[in-house]
N, C-alpha and C. Protein backbone atom coordinates (compact mmCIF):
# COMPACT_ATOMS: atom_id res chain seq x y z
N UNK A 1 -17.78 35.16 -43.79
CA UNK A 1 -16.57 34.38 -43.59
C UNK A 1 -16.85 33.36 -42.47
N UNK A 2 -16.34 32.16 -42.65
CA UNK A 2 -16.50 31.11 -41.65
C UNK A 2 -15.85 31.54 -40.34
N UNK A 3 -16.48 31.26 -39.20
CA UNK A 3 -15.92 31.70 -37.91
C UNK A 3 -14.48 31.24 -37.67
N UNK A 4 -14.14 30.00 -38.06
CA UNK A 4 -12.77 29.53 -37.85
C UNK A 4 -11.78 30.31 -38.70
N UNK A 5 -12.19 30.67 -39.91
CA UNK A 5 -11.33 31.48 -40.77
C UNK A 5 -11.14 32.87 -40.18
N UNK A 6 -12.18 33.43 -39.63
CA UNK A 6 -12.07 34.75 -38.99
C UNK A 6 -11.08 34.73 -37.84
N UNK A 7 -11.11 33.67 -37.04
CA UNK A 7 -10.18 33.55 -35.92
C UNK A 7 -8.76 33.35 -36.44
N UNK A 8 -8.59 32.56 -37.50
CA UNK A 8 -7.26 32.36 -38.08
C UNK A 8 -6.69 33.67 -38.61
N UNK A 9 -7.53 34.48 -39.24
CA UNK A 9 -7.09 35.80 -39.73
C UNK A 9 -6.69 36.69 -38.56
N UNK A 10 -7.47 36.66 -37.50
CA UNK A 10 -7.13 37.43 -36.29
C UNK A 10 -5.77 37.00 -35.75
N UNK A 11 -5.53 35.69 -35.70
CA UNK A 11 -4.25 35.16 -35.22
C UNK A 11 -3.10 35.59 -36.13
N UNK A 12 -3.32 35.53 -37.44
CA UNK A 12 -2.28 35.94 -38.38
C UNK A 12 -1.95 37.43 -38.24
N UNK A 13 -2.97 38.23 -38.02
CA UNK A 13 -2.72 39.67 -37.84
C UNK A 13 -1.92 39.95 -36.58
N UNK A 14 -2.21 39.22 -35.52
CA UNK A 14 -1.44 39.38 -34.28
C UNK A 14 0.03 39.01 -34.51
N UNK A 15 0.26 37.89 -35.17
CA UNK A 15 1.63 37.49 -35.49
C UNK A 15 2.28 38.49 -36.44
N UNK A 16 1.51 39.02 -37.38
CA UNK A 16 2.03 40.01 -38.32
C UNK A 16 2.53 41.26 -37.63
N UNK A 17 1.85 41.67 -36.58
CA UNK A 17 2.32 42.85 -35.82
C UNK A 17 3.70 42.57 -35.22
N UNK A 18 3.88 41.38 -34.69
CA UNK A 18 5.18 41.01 -34.09
C UNK A 18 6.26 41.00 -35.18
N UNK A 19 5.96 40.38 -36.30
CA UNK A 19 6.92 40.26 -37.39
C UNK A 19 7.25 41.63 -37.98
N UNK A 20 6.25 42.46 -38.18
CA UNK A 20 6.50 43.80 -38.74
C UNK A 20 7.36 44.65 -37.82
N UNK A 21 7.10 44.59 -36.52
CA UNK A 21 7.95 45.34 -35.57
C UNK A 21 9.39 44.87 -35.66
N UNK A 22 9.57 43.55 -35.69
CA UNK A 22 10.92 42.98 -35.72
C UNK A 22 11.64 43.31 -37.03
N UNK A 23 10.89 43.45 -38.12
CA UNK A 23 11.52 43.72 -39.42
C UNK A 23 12.19 45.09 -39.46
N UNK A 24 11.87 45.95 -38.52
CA UNK A 24 12.47 47.28 -38.46
C UNK A 24 13.91 47.25 -37.95
N UNK A 25 14.28 46.15 -37.27
CA UNK A 25 15.63 46.04 -36.71
C UNK A 25 16.08 44.58 -36.73
N UNK A 26 16.19 44.02 -37.93
CA UNK A 26 16.53 42.60 -38.09
C UNK A 26 17.88 42.27 -37.46
N UNK A 27 18.80 43.21 -37.45
CA UNK A 27 20.14 42.96 -36.92
C UNK A 27 20.18 42.64 -35.44
N UNK A 28 19.15 43.00 -34.70
CA UNK A 28 19.16 42.76 -33.26
C UNK A 28 18.43 41.48 -32.86
N UNK A 29 17.97 40.70 -33.84
CA UNK A 29 17.18 39.49 -33.56
C UNK A 29 18.10 38.33 -33.20
N UNK A 30 17.74 37.62 -32.15
CA UNK A 30 18.46 36.41 -31.74
C UNK A 30 18.10 35.27 -32.69
N UNK A 31 19.14 34.62 -33.24
CA UNK A 31 18.95 33.57 -34.25
C UNK A 31 19.65 32.29 -33.81
N UNK A 32 19.01 31.15 -34.09
CA UNK A 32 19.62 29.85 -33.88
C UNK A 32 19.53 29.06 -35.18
N UNK A 33 20.48 28.16 -35.40
CA UNK A 33 20.47 27.30 -36.57
C UNK A 33 19.87 25.96 -36.19
N UNK A 34 18.82 25.53 -36.92
CA UNK A 34 18.22 24.22 -36.69
C UNK A 34 18.98 23.17 -37.50
N UNK A 35 19.18 23.44 -38.76
CA UNK A 35 19.92 22.60 -39.69
C UNK A 35 20.64 23.52 -40.66
N UNK A 36 21.40 22.93 -41.58
CA UNK A 36 22.08 23.74 -42.58
C UNK A 36 21.05 24.59 -43.31
N UNK A 37 21.28 25.90 -43.33
CA UNK A 37 20.41 26.86 -44.02
C UNK A 37 18.96 26.82 -43.52
N UNK A 38 18.77 26.44 -42.26
CA UNK A 38 17.43 26.40 -41.65
C UNK A 38 17.53 27.07 -40.29
N UNK A 39 16.95 28.24 -40.18
CA UNK A 39 17.11 29.07 -39.00
C UNK A 39 15.80 29.23 -38.25
N UNK A 40 15.92 29.52 -36.97
CA UNK A 40 14.77 29.89 -36.15
C UNK A 40 15.18 31.12 -35.35
N UNK A 41 14.26 32.05 -35.22
CA UNK A 41 14.57 33.27 -34.48
C UNK A 41 13.56 33.46 -33.36
N UNK A 42 13.87 34.40 -32.50
CA UNK A 42 12.93 34.74 -31.44
C UNK A 42 11.62 35.25 -32.03
N UNK A 43 11.68 35.80 -33.23
CA UNK A 43 10.48 36.30 -33.90
C UNK A 43 9.58 35.13 -34.27
N UNK A 44 10.16 34.04 -34.81
CA UNK A 44 9.39 32.84 -35.12
C UNK A 44 8.64 32.35 -33.88
N UNK A 45 9.37 32.25 -32.79
CA UNK A 45 8.78 31.71 -31.55
C UNK A 45 7.69 32.64 -31.00
N UNK A 46 7.94 33.92 -30.99
CA UNK A 46 6.95 34.88 -30.47
C UNK A 46 5.70 34.91 -31.34
N UNK A 47 5.90 34.90 -32.65
CA UNK A 47 4.75 34.92 -33.57
C UNK A 47 3.94 33.63 -33.44
N UNK A 48 4.62 32.50 -33.33
CA UNK A 48 3.90 31.23 -33.17
C UNK A 48 3.10 31.22 -31.88
N UNK A 49 3.68 31.70 -30.80
CA UNK A 49 2.96 31.72 -29.53
C UNK A 49 1.74 32.64 -29.60
N UNK A 50 1.88 33.76 -30.29
CA UNK A 50 0.75 34.68 -30.45
C UNK A 50 -0.39 34.00 -31.22
N UNK A 51 -0.05 33.27 -32.27
CA UNK A 51 -1.06 32.55 -33.05
C UNK A 51 -1.75 31.51 -32.17
N UNK A 52 -0.96 30.72 -31.46
CA UNK A 52 -1.53 29.68 -30.60
C UNK A 52 -2.42 30.30 -29.53
N UNK A 53 -2.00 31.40 -28.94
CA UNK A 53 -2.81 32.04 -27.90
C UNK A 53 -4.18 32.46 -28.43
N UNK A 54 -4.21 33.06 -29.61
CA UNK A 54 -5.49 33.50 -30.19
C UNK A 54 -6.37 32.29 -30.50
N UNK A 55 -5.78 31.28 -31.15
CA UNK A 55 -6.56 30.09 -31.52
C UNK A 55 -7.03 29.31 -30.29
N UNK A 56 -6.14 29.16 -29.32
CA UNK A 56 -6.49 28.40 -28.11
C UNK A 56 -7.56 29.11 -27.29
N UNK A 57 -7.54 30.43 -27.30
CA UNK A 57 -8.57 31.19 -26.59
C UNK A 57 -9.94 30.92 -27.21
N UNK A 58 -9.99 30.84 -28.53
CA UNK A 58 -11.25 30.60 -29.23
C UNK A 58 -11.64 29.12 -29.25
N UNK A 59 -10.65 28.25 -29.33
CA UNK A 59 -10.90 26.81 -29.48
C UNK A 59 -9.99 26.02 -28.55
N UNK A 60 -10.30 26.00 -27.26
CA UNK A 60 -9.41 25.35 -26.28
C UNK A 60 -9.26 23.84 -26.46
N UNK A 61 -10.19 23.20 -27.15
CA UNK A 61 -10.11 21.75 -27.33
C UNK A 61 -9.38 21.34 -28.61
N UNK A 62 -8.94 22.30 -29.41
CA UNK A 62 -8.23 21.99 -30.65
C UNK A 62 -6.77 21.67 -30.36
N UNK A 63 -6.15 20.94 -31.29
CA UNK A 63 -4.73 20.64 -31.20
C UNK A 63 -3.92 21.62 -32.04
N UNK A 64 -2.61 21.61 -31.81
CA UNK A 64 -1.71 22.52 -32.51
C UNK A 64 -0.46 21.78 -32.93
N UNK A 65 0.01 22.09 -34.12
CA UNK A 65 1.25 21.54 -34.64
C UNK A 65 2.04 22.72 -35.19
N UNK A 66 2.93 23.24 -34.35
CA UNK A 66 3.72 24.40 -34.72
C UNK A 66 5.10 23.99 -35.19
N UNK A 67 5.61 24.72 -36.17
CA UNK A 67 6.95 24.42 -36.67
C UNK A 67 7.99 24.54 -35.56
N UNK A 68 7.80 25.48 -34.67
CA UNK A 68 8.78 25.71 -33.61
C UNK A 68 8.46 24.96 -32.33
N UNK A 69 7.19 24.81 -32.00
CA UNK A 69 6.82 24.23 -30.70
C UNK A 69 6.40 22.76 -30.76
N UNK A 70 6.19 22.22 -31.94
CA UNK A 70 5.81 20.82 -32.06
C UNK A 70 4.32 20.60 -31.83
N UNK A 71 3.98 19.38 -31.39
CA UNK A 71 2.58 18.96 -31.23
C UNK A 71 2.02 19.31 -29.87
N UNK A 72 0.70 19.55 -29.87
CA UNK A 72 -0.07 19.73 -28.64
C UNK A 72 -1.45 19.16 -28.93
N UNK A 73 -1.90 18.21 -28.13
CA UNK A 73 -3.23 17.61 -28.28
C UNK A 73 -3.41 17.04 -29.69
N UNK A 74 -2.45 16.20 -30.11
CA UNK A 74 -2.47 15.66 -31.47
C UNK A 74 -3.59 14.66 -31.73
N UNK A 75 -4.34 14.29 -30.69
CA UNK A 75 -5.49 13.39 -30.85
C UNK A 75 -6.78 14.14 -31.17
N UNK A 76 -6.75 15.45 -31.14
CA UNK A 76 -7.96 16.26 -31.36
C UNK A 76 -8.48 16.09 -32.79
N UNK A 77 -9.78 16.26 -32.96
CA UNK A 77 -10.38 16.22 -34.30
C UNK A 77 -9.92 17.40 -35.15
N UNK A 78 -9.69 18.53 -34.52
CA UNK A 78 -9.25 19.75 -35.21
C UNK A 78 -7.83 20.10 -34.77
N UNK A 79 -6.93 20.14 -35.74
CA UNK A 79 -5.53 20.46 -35.45
C UNK A 79 -5.09 21.61 -36.36
N UNK A 80 -4.60 22.67 -35.74
CA UNK A 80 -4.06 23.82 -36.47
C UNK A 80 -2.59 23.56 -36.77
N UNK A 81 -2.19 23.76 -38.01
CA UNK A 81 -0.81 23.57 -38.45
C UNK A 81 -0.25 24.96 -38.74
N UNK A 82 0.85 25.29 -38.07
CA UNK A 82 1.33 26.68 -38.05
C UNK A 82 2.80 26.78 -38.44
N UNK A 83 3.08 27.62 -39.40
CA UNK A 83 4.45 28.08 -39.67
C UNK A 83 4.38 29.60 -39.51
N UNK A 84 4.83 30.11 -38.37
CA UNK A 84 4.60 31.51 -38.04
C UNK A 84 5.37 32.50 -38.91
N UNK A 85 6.48 32.06 -39.44
CA UNK A 85 7.29 32.93 -40.31
C UNK A 85 7.85 32.04 -41.42
N UNK A 86 7.03 31.81 -42.42
CA UNK A 86 7.40 30.96 -43.54
C UNK A 86 8.29 31.78 -44.46
N UNK A 87 9.57 31.45 -44.45
CA UNK A 87 10.56 32.24 -45.18
C UNK A 87 11.48 32.98 -44.22
N UNK A 88 11.83 32.33 -43.12
CA UNK A 88 12.68 32.96 -42.10
C UNK A 88 14.00 33.45 -42.69
N UNK A 89 14.60 32.67 -43.57
CA UNK A 89 15.89 33.07 -44.15
C UNK A 89 15.74 34.38 -44.93
N UNK A 90 14.69 34.49 -45.72
CA UNK A 90 14.44 35.74 -46.45
C UNK A 90 14.26 36.90 -45.47
N UNK A 91 13.45 36.67 -44.44
CA UNK A 91 13.19 37.69 -43.43
C UNK A 91 14.50 38.17 -42.80
N UNK A 92 15.34 37.23 -42.40
CA UNK A 92 16.59 37.57 -41.72
C UNK A 92 17.57 38.31 -42.62
N UNK A 93 17.44 38.12 -43.94
CA UNK A 93 18.30 38.82 -44.89
C UNK A 93 17.66 40.10 -45.42
N UNK A 94 16.49 40.44 -44.90
CA UNK A 94 15.84 41.68 -45.31
C UNK A 94 15.06 41.59 -46.61
N UNK A 95 14.85 40.36 -47.11
CA UNK A 95 14.06 40.18 -48.33
C UNK A 95 12.59 40.06 -47.94
N UNK A 96 11.70 40.84 -48.52
CA UNK A 96 10.30 40.85 -48.08
C UNK A 96 9.45 39.72 -48.67
N UNK A 97 10.05 38.57 -48.94
CA UNK A 97 9.29 37.42 -49.43
C UNK A 97 9.17 36.39 -48.30
N UNK A 98 8.19 36.59 -47.45
CA UNK A 98 7.89 35.67 -46.35
C UNK A 98 6.42 35.84 -46.01
N UNK A 99 5.88 34.89 -45.28
CA UNK A 99 4.46 34.96 -44.93
C UNK A 99 4.19 34.18 -43.65
N UNK A 100 2.96 34.25 -43.20
CA UNK A 100 2.46 33.48 -42.06
C UNK A 100 1.58 32.39 -42.64
N UNK A 101 1.85 31.14 -42.29
CA UNK A 101 1.05 30.02 -42.80
C UNK A 101 0.28 29.38 -41.66
N UNK A 102 -1.04 29.30 -41.83
CA UNK A 102 -1.91 28.66 -40.85
C UNK A 102 -2.88 27.78 -41.62
N UNK A 103 -2.95 26.50 -41.26
CA UNK A 103 -3.89 25.57 -41.89
C UNK A 103 -4.67 24.85 -40.80
N UNK A 104 -5.82 24.31 -41.17
CA UNK A 104 -6.64 23.54 -40.24
C UNK A 104 -6.86 22.15 -40.81
N UNK A 105 -6.55 21.15 -40.00
CA UNK A 105 -6.81 19.76 -40.35
C UNK A 105 -7.99 19.29 -39.51
N UNK A 106 -9.05 18.83 -40.17
CA UNK A 106 -10.24 18.35 -39.47
C UNK A 106 -10.39 16.86 -39.74
N UNK A 107 -10.28 16.08 -38.68
CA UNK A 107 -10.38 14.61 -38.78
C UNK A 107 -9.46 14.07 -39.87
N UNK A 108 -8.23 14.57 -39.89
CA UNK A 108 -7.22 14.08 -40.81
C UNK A 108 -7.23 14.69 -42.19
N UNK A 109 -8.15 15.61 -42.47
CA UNK A 109 -8.26 16.22 -43.80
C UNK A 109 -7.99 17.72 -43.69
N UNK A 110 -7.08 18.22 -44.54
CA UNK A 110 -6.84 19.66 -44.57
C UNK A 110 -8.06 20.35 -45.14
N UNK A 111 -8.50 21.40 -44.44
CA UNK A 111 -9.71 22.10 -44.89
C UNK A 111 -9.39 23.51 -45.32
């Protein structure tokens, strides 16, 4: 497996632990509305930060574009694009159709 893919999998697993723990008590999660039928929760933010921490530890010169946190180092050749809880509405309603999305853009091309 390519080293960058291995690190991305490690980051996704870390975020998955946060999401799985939170799924045990969805009713206690703090939720905010971004737009109509578009929510963000403390779980989204915590999972995104966990992903960024793992990736930044391995690749400190890379940029990040998180759904919740926005851009960081957007001039970098390598930019990680992150949706930490893709399907937040399903998650918040207890439907198990959600995932963690992590992509890498290298010099403007998704790889």
